[in-house]
Amino acid sequence: MSISLFAPLLYLLMGLGLGRTSFEIKGRASALLTKLVIPLVIIYNIATHRPGVFAVMAGMMVMMISLLLLSRIKTRDPVHNLCFSYLNIGWLGMPIASTLFGDGAAMVFIAAYVGSSLLGNSVGVGLMAQGSNLKTRMLETLKAPPVWALLVGVGCIPFGPQLEAHARPVYEVLKFLMSFLGMSILGIWLSATRLKMADFSQALKISILRAAAIAALVCLFIMLCRSLDIRLVLENQAALYMMCLLPPAANIIVLETHYMKSGRSASLIACGTCISIAAIGAYVAAVLLL
């Protein structure tokens, strides 16, 4: 367990080191992770899914809508709205949950990632692409890798037992790549971002408010799952509460750059990620001690 505990941090430190060299690998590594590794992990987990996966997916989408509506009470700025409601479940949450809490937690986070990606991409495009019509927004959402991976995974459900029997070694390699690439890319990205104390102060306030809101929503979701006896959720509550500590999704900066031609979310995401890594480290240590 001690090796597993420090593996994500080691990958992050490797990324920080690579980010200070002349090697330009972030783009290719990001493409490999988002267009191949994560979609294949999603396909395997959907095809071999346990009962409760689709409940987690739906619950994550409801939670994101709730966070979005809550943030829009204070501001209608789409960047701030997305930074409050769209979480980094893919690059940060999934690798850590998979490494530290096991396959059950990985399945919970994969379901949450698919739900958040479906809603995050559609809502993100809707908020930022003000001049685009509904058809354009829908096409942008359908082109997202988690969407086609979900569809392929559902189509492969009849072959789930065969995949579980024969593709398990490949899945283990994919899980390692997901953790290694996800944390390394975050490290490279953080090393290239200049931060100010004012940015940290703003990100800390947002992180505290978001954590409190998500904690309340997760409590309600677990209560609902207890009444419905959804074992996948009930057996992975510690991992599920870790979502309270996740930072804004790195994909927000991609959406903002493409549709708004700006990069205001970069500092919020970077500072939020630094705060999140420290908070998750403390949380995981507390969970393991208890």
Protein backbone atom coordinates (compact mmCIF):
# COMPACT_ATOMS: atom_id res chain seq x y z
CA MET A 1 0.00 0.00 0.00
CA SER A 2 2.88 2.40 0.75
CA ILE A 3 4.15 2.10 -2.84
CA SER A 4 0.63 2.70 -4.16
CA LEU A 5 0.27 5.73 -1.90
CA PHE A 6 3.32 7.49 -3.32
CA ALA A 7 3.02 6.35 -6.96
CA PRO A 8 0.71 9.20 -8.12
CA LEU A 9 2.94 11.77 -6.38
CA LEU A 10 6.01 10.25 -8.02
CA TYR A 11 4.40 10.51 -11.46
CA LEU A 12 3.46 14.14 -10.73
CA LEU A 13 7.05 14.97 -9.73
CA MET A 14 8.31 13.31 -12.92
CA GLY A 15 5.98 15.54 -14.89
CA LEU A 16 7.22 18.63 -13.05
CA GLY A 17 10.77 17.65 -13.99
CA LEU A 18 9.90 16.98 -17.62
CA GLY A 19 8.11 20.32 -17.80
CA ARG A 20 11.42 22.10 -17.16
CA THR A 21 13.19 20.37 -20.04
CA SER A 22 13.10 21.13 -23.75
CA PHE A 23 11.09 17.99 -24.56
CA GLU A 24 7.59 18.78 -25.83
CA ILE A 25 5.54 15.70 -24.99
CA LYS A 26 2.47 17.20 -23.30
CA GLY A 27 0.41 17.39 -26.49
CA ARG A 28 1.09 13.84 -27.62
CA ALA A 29 0.72 12.40 -24.13
CA SER A 30 -2.57 14.27 -23.64
CA ALA A 31 -3.89 12.95 -26.96
CA LEU A 32 -2.84 9.38 -26.05
CA LEU A 33 -4.54 9.64 -22.68
CA THR A 34 -7.78 11.32 -23.72
CA LYS A 35 -8.30 9.69 -27.12
CA LEU A 36 -7.10 6.13 -26.44
CA VAL A 37 -6.24 5.13 -22.87
CA ILE A 38 -9.23 6.59 -20.99
CA PRO A 39 -11.77 5.60 -23.68
CA LEU A 40 -10.48 1.98 -23.59
CA VAL A 41 -10.69 1.96 -19.79
CA ILE A 42 -14.26 3.27 -20.05
CA ILE A 43 -15.21 0.63 -22.64
CA TYR A 44 -13.85 -2.20 -20.47
CA ASN A 45 -15.57 -0.98 -17.32
CA ILE A 46 -18.92 -0.33 -18.99
CA ALA A 47 -18.83 -3.73 -20.74
CA THR A 48 -17.95 -5.52 -17.48
CA HIS A 49 -19.94 -3.15 -15.28
CA ARG A 50 -21.29 -3.89 -11.84
CA PRO A 51 -24.84 -2.88 -10.88
CA GLY A 52 -24.85 0.78 -9.89
CA VAL A 53 -22.58 2.19 -12.60
CA PHE A 54 -25.37 4.00 -14.39
CA ALA A 55 -26.75 5.27 -11.07
CA VAL A 56 -23.36 6.87 -10.34
CA MET A 57 -23.32 8.36 -13.84
CA ALA A 58 -26.76 9.91 -13.37
CA GLY A 59 -25.92 11.06 -9.83
CA MET A 60 -22.78 12.82 -11.09
CA MET A 61 -24.76 14.69 -13.73
CA VAL A 62 -27.35 15.82 -11.16
CA MET A 63 -24.53 16.94 -8.86
CA MET A 64 -22.90 18.98 -11.64
CA ILE A 65 -26.18 20.66 -12.53
CA SER A 66 -26.69 21.53 -8.85
CA LEU A 67 -23.19 23.01 -8.58
CA LEU A 68 -23.69 24.97 -11.80
CA LEU A 69 -26.97 26.46 -10.61
CA LEU A 70 -25.40 27.29 -7.25
CA SER A 71 -22.48 29.11 -8.88
CA ARG A 72 -24.79 31.07 -11.19
CA ILE A 73 -26.50 32.61 -8.16
CA LYS A 74 -23.31 34.62 -7.61
CA THR A 75 -22.00 35.10 -11.16
CA ARG A 76 -22.97 34.42 -14.77
CA ASP A 77 -19.32 34.26 -15.88
CA PRO A 78 -19.09 30.94 -17.80
CA VAL A 79 -15.44 30.41 -16.81
CA HIS A 80 -16.21 30.68 -13.09
CA ASN A 81 -19.36 28.60 -13.51
CA LEU A 82 -17.43 25.74 -15.10
CA CYS A 83 -14.51 25.99 -12.66
CA PHE A 84 -17.01 25.50 -9.84
CA SER A 85 -19.03 22.64 -11.35
CA TYR A 86 -16.77 20.68 -13.77
CA LEU A 87 -14.28 18.52 -11.82
CA ASN A 88 -10.98 16.92 -12.83
CA ILE A 89 -12.19 13.34 -12.39
CA GLY A 90 -10.26 11.98 -15.39
CA TRP A 91 -6.66 13.13 -15.02
CA LEU A 92 -6.51 13.43 -11.22
CA GLY A 93 -9.41 11.61 -9.56
CA MET A 94 -9.38 8.33 -11.52
CA PRO A 95 -5.64 7.60 -11.23
CA ILE A 96 -5.58 8.22 -7.48
CA ALA A 97 -8.84 6.36 -6.77
CA SER A 98 -7.72 3.40 -8.88
CA THR A 99 -4.28 3.21 -7.29
CA LEU A 100 -5.30 3.68 -3.68
CA PHE A 101 -8.85 2.36 -3.31
CA GLY A 102 -8.96 -0.49 -5.85
CA ASP A 103 -11.13 -1.59 -8.76
CA GLY A 104 -14.47 -0.77 -7.12
CA ALA A 105 -13.43 2.84 -6.60
CA ALA A 106 -12.02 2.95 -10.13
CA MET A 107 -15.40 1.86 -11.50
CA VAL A 108 -17.18 4.56 -9.43
CA PHE A 109 -14.82 7.24 -10.73
CA ILE A 110 -15.04 6.01 -14.32
CA ALA A 111 -18.84 6.21 -14.16
CA ALA A 112 -18.58 9.68 -12.61
CA TYR A 113 -16.06 10.71 -15.27
CA VAL A 114 -18.35 9.63 -18.10
CA GLY A 115 -21.29 11.50 -16.52
CA SER A 116 -19.24 14.64 -15.90
CA SER A 117 -17.72 14.57 -19.39
CA LEU A 118 -21.12 14.20 -21.04
CA LEU A 119 -22.53 17.13 -19.11
CA GLY A 120 -19.31 19.17 -18.89
CA ASN A 121 -18.72 19.16 -22.63
CA SER A 122 -22.32 19.96 -23.51
CA VAL A 123 -22.79 22.62 -20.83
CA GLY A 124 -19.30 24.01 -21.45
CA VAL A 125 -19.95 24.46 -25.15
CA GLY A 126 -23.40 25.87 -24.39
CA LEU A 127 -22.02 28.47 -21.97
CA MET A 128 -18.97 29.50 -23.98
CA ALA A 129 -20.08 29.16 -27.61
CA GLN A 130 -22.76 31.82 -27.42
CA GLY A 131 -22.89 32.22 -31.20
CA SER A 132 -23.26 28.51 -31.97
CA ASN A 133 -26.57 26.88 -32.68
CA LEU A 134 -27.95 23.83 -30.87
CA LYS A 135 -26.88 21.44 -33.64
CA THR A 136 -23.26 22.60 -33.45
CA ARG A 137 -23.23 22.20 -29.67
CA MET A 138 -24.68 18.70 -29.89
CA LEU A 139 -22.11 17.65 -32.49
CA GLU A 140 -19.27 18.97 -30.32
CA THR A 141 -20.59 16.93 -27.40
CA LEU A 142 -21.02 13.73 -29.45
CA LYS A 143 -17.42 14.00 -30.70
CA ALA A 144 -16.07 13.86 -27.12
CA PRO A 145 -14.14 10.57 -26.54
CA PRO A 146 -16.10 9.63 -23.37
CA VAL A 147 -19.34 9.74 -25.36
CA TRP A 148 -18.31 7.31 -28.09
CA ALA A 149 -16.51 5.16 -25.50
CA LEU A 150 -19.75 4.92 -23.51
CA LEU A 151 -21.68 3.90 -26.64
CA VAL A 152 -19.08 1.26 -27.58
CA GLY A 153 -18.99 -0.01 -23.99
CA VAL A 154 -22.77 -0.42 -23.92
CA GLY A 155 -22.56 -2.30 -27.23
CA CYS A 156 -19.91 -4.63 -25.73
CA ILE A 157 -21.97 -5.52 -22.61
CA PRO A 158 -23.02 -8.92 -24.08
CA PHE A 159 -19.30 -9.76 -24.39
CA GLY A 160 -18.47 -8.58 -20.84
CA PRO A 161 -17.62 -12.05 -19.41
CA GLN A 162 -15.24 -12.79 -22.30
CA LEU A 163 -13.54 -9.41 -21.92
CA GLU A 164 -13.14 -9.91 -18.19
CA ALA A 165 -11.65 -13.37 -18.76
CA HIS A 166 -9.22 -12.52 -21.58
CA ALA A 167 -8.59 -8.74 -21.54
CA ARG A 168 -7.78 -8.30 -17.86
CA PRO A 169 -3.96 -8.09 -18.37
CA VAL A 170 -4.47 -5.38 -21.03
CA TYR A 171 -6.78 -3.50 -18.64
CA GLU A 172 -4.11 -3.56 -15.91
CA VAL A 173 -1.61 -1.98 -18.34
CA LEU A 174 -4.20 0.65 -19.31
CA LYS A 175 -4.82 1.48 -15.63
CA PHE A 176 -1.10 2.04 -15.11
CA LEU A 177 -0.89 4.24 -18.21
CA MET A 178 -3.94 6.21 -17.06
CA SER A 179 -2.31 6.92 -13.71
CA PHE A 180 1.18 7.57 -15.09
CA LEU A 181 0.13 9.76 -18.00
CA GLY A 182 -2.59 11.63 -16.10
CA MET A 183 -0.38 12.67 -13.20
CA SER A 184 2.69 13.31 -15.40
CA ILE A 185 0.72 15.60 -17.73
CA LEU A 186 -0.62 17.51 -14.74
CA GLY A 187 2.95 17.94 -13.52
CA ILE A 188 4.14 19.21 -16.91
CA TRP A 189 1.19 21.57 -17.12
CA LEU A 190 1.69 22.94 -13.59
CA SER A 191 5.40 23.55 -14.21
CA ALA A 192 4.54 25.86 -17.12
CA THR A 193 1.95 27.96 -15.25
CA ARG A 194 2.99 31.09 -13.35
CA LEU A 195 0.93 31.62 -10.22
CA LYS A 196 0.38 34.54 -7.83
CA MET A 197 -0.71 34.59 -4.19
CA ALA A 198 -3.93 36.37 -5.22
CA ASP A 199 -4.71 33.43 -7.52
CA PHE A 200 -4.21 30.97 -4.66
CA SER A 201 -6.42 33.05 -2.37
CA GLN A 202 -9.26 33.10 -4.89
CA ALA A 203 -8.86 29.39 -5.70
CA LEU A 204 -8.84 28.47 -1.99
CA LYS A 205 -12.15 30.25 -1.38
CA ILE A 206 -13.73 28.51 -4.36
CA SER A 207 -12.29 25.14 -3.27
CA ILE A 208 -13.74 25.44 0.24
CA LEU A 209 -17.19 26.41 -1.03
CA ARG A 210 -17.17 23.65 -3.66
CA ALA A 211 -15.99 21.03 -1.15
CA ALA A 212 -18.80 21.92 1.26
CA ALA A 213 -21.42 21.80 -1.51
CA ILE A 214 -20.15 18.48 -2.91
CA ALA A 215 -19.97 16.94 0.58
CA ALA A 216 -23.64 17.74 1.13
CA LEU A 217 -24.59 16.37 -2.31
CA VAL A 218 -22.53 13.19 -1.81
CA CYS A 219 -24.23 12.62 1.56
CA LEU A 220 -27.64 12.87 -0.10
CA PHE A 221 -26.53 10.55 -2.92
CA ILE A 222 -25.23 7.92 -0.48
CA MET A 223 -28.47 8.10 1.51
CA LEU A 224 -30.44 7.50 -1.69
CA CYS A 225 -28.15 4.62 -2.69
CA ARG A 226 -28.55 3.09 0.77
CA SER A 227 -32.32 3.06 0.37
CA LEU A 228 -31.91 1.47 -3.09
CA ASP A 229 -29.14 -0.89 -1.86
CA ILE A 230 -26.65 0.14 -4.56
CA ARG A 231 -23.63 -1.77 -3.27
CA LEU A 232 -21.09 -0.20 -5.65
CA VAL A 233 -21.63 3.17 -3.97
CA LEU A 234 -21.99 1.86 -0.41
CA GLU A 235 -18.74 -0.13 -0.66
CA ASN A 236 -16.74 2.85 -1.96
CA GLN A 237 -17.90 5.77 0.19
CA ALA A 238 -14.36 6.82 1.16
CA ALA A 239 -13.39 7.16 -2.50
CA LEU A 240 -16.63 8.96 -3.32
CA TYR A 241 -16.03 11.62 -0.66
CA MET A 242 -12.65 12.32 -2.26
CA MET A 243 -14.59 14.06 -5.04
CA CYS A 244 -15.09 16.96 -2.60
CA LEU A 245 -11.37 17.70 -2.96
CA LEU A 246 -11.01 17.55 -6.74
CA PRO A 247 -10.00 20.70 -8.66
CA PRO A 248 -11.59 22.15 -11.83
CA ALA A 249 -11.23 20.00 -14.95
CA ALA A 250 -8.23 20.73 -17.15
CA ASN A 251 -10.57 20.45 -20.15
CA ILE A 252 -12.08 23.83 -19.20
CA ILE A 253 -9.02 25.65 -20.52
CA VAL A 254 -9.38 23.74 -23.82
CA LEU A 255 -13.01 24.81 -24.16
CA GLU A 256 -12.23 28.40 -23.17
CA THR A 257 -9.32 28.71 -25.58
CA HIS A 258 -11.36 27.29 -28.46
CA TYR A 259 -14.63 29.15 -27.95
CA MET A 260 -13.72 32.35 -26.06
CA LYS A 261 -10.14 32.87 -27.32
CA SER A 262 -8.99 33.53 -23.74
CA GLY A 263 -7.24 31.64 -20.92
CA ARG A 264 -8.60 33.08 -17.67
CA SER A 265 -9.30 29.63 -16.24
CA ALA A 266 -5.62 28.58 -16.32
CA SER A 267 -4.70 30.16 -12.97
CA LEU A 268 -7.87 28.91 -11.25
CA ILE A 269 -7.26 25.38 -12.51
CA ALA A 270 -3.54 25.39 -11.66
CA CYS A 271 -4.02 26.83 -8.15
CA GLY A 272 -7.00 24.59 -7.54
CA THR A 273 -4.93 21.57 -8.58
CA CYS A 274 -2.11 22.45 -6.16
CA ILE A 275 -4.61 22.91 -3.32
CA SER A 276 -6.37 19.68 -4.30
CA ILE A 277 -3.18 17.60 -4.32
CA ALA A 278 -2.34 18.76 -0.79
CA ALA A 279 -5.91 18.16 0.44
CA ILE A 280 -6.15 14.71 -1.17
CA GLY A 281 -2.80 13.72 0.35
CA ALA A 282 -4.07 14.66 3.81
CA TYR A 283 -7.41 12.89 3.18
CA VAL A 284 -5.81 9.66 1.94
CA ALA A 285 -3.41 9.62 4.90
CA ALA A 286 -6.32 10.09 7.31
CA VAL A 287 -8.36 7.33 5.63
CA LEU A 288 -5.45 4.89 5.73
CA LEU A 289 -4.70 5.67 9.37
CA LEU A 290 -8.33 5.22 10.36
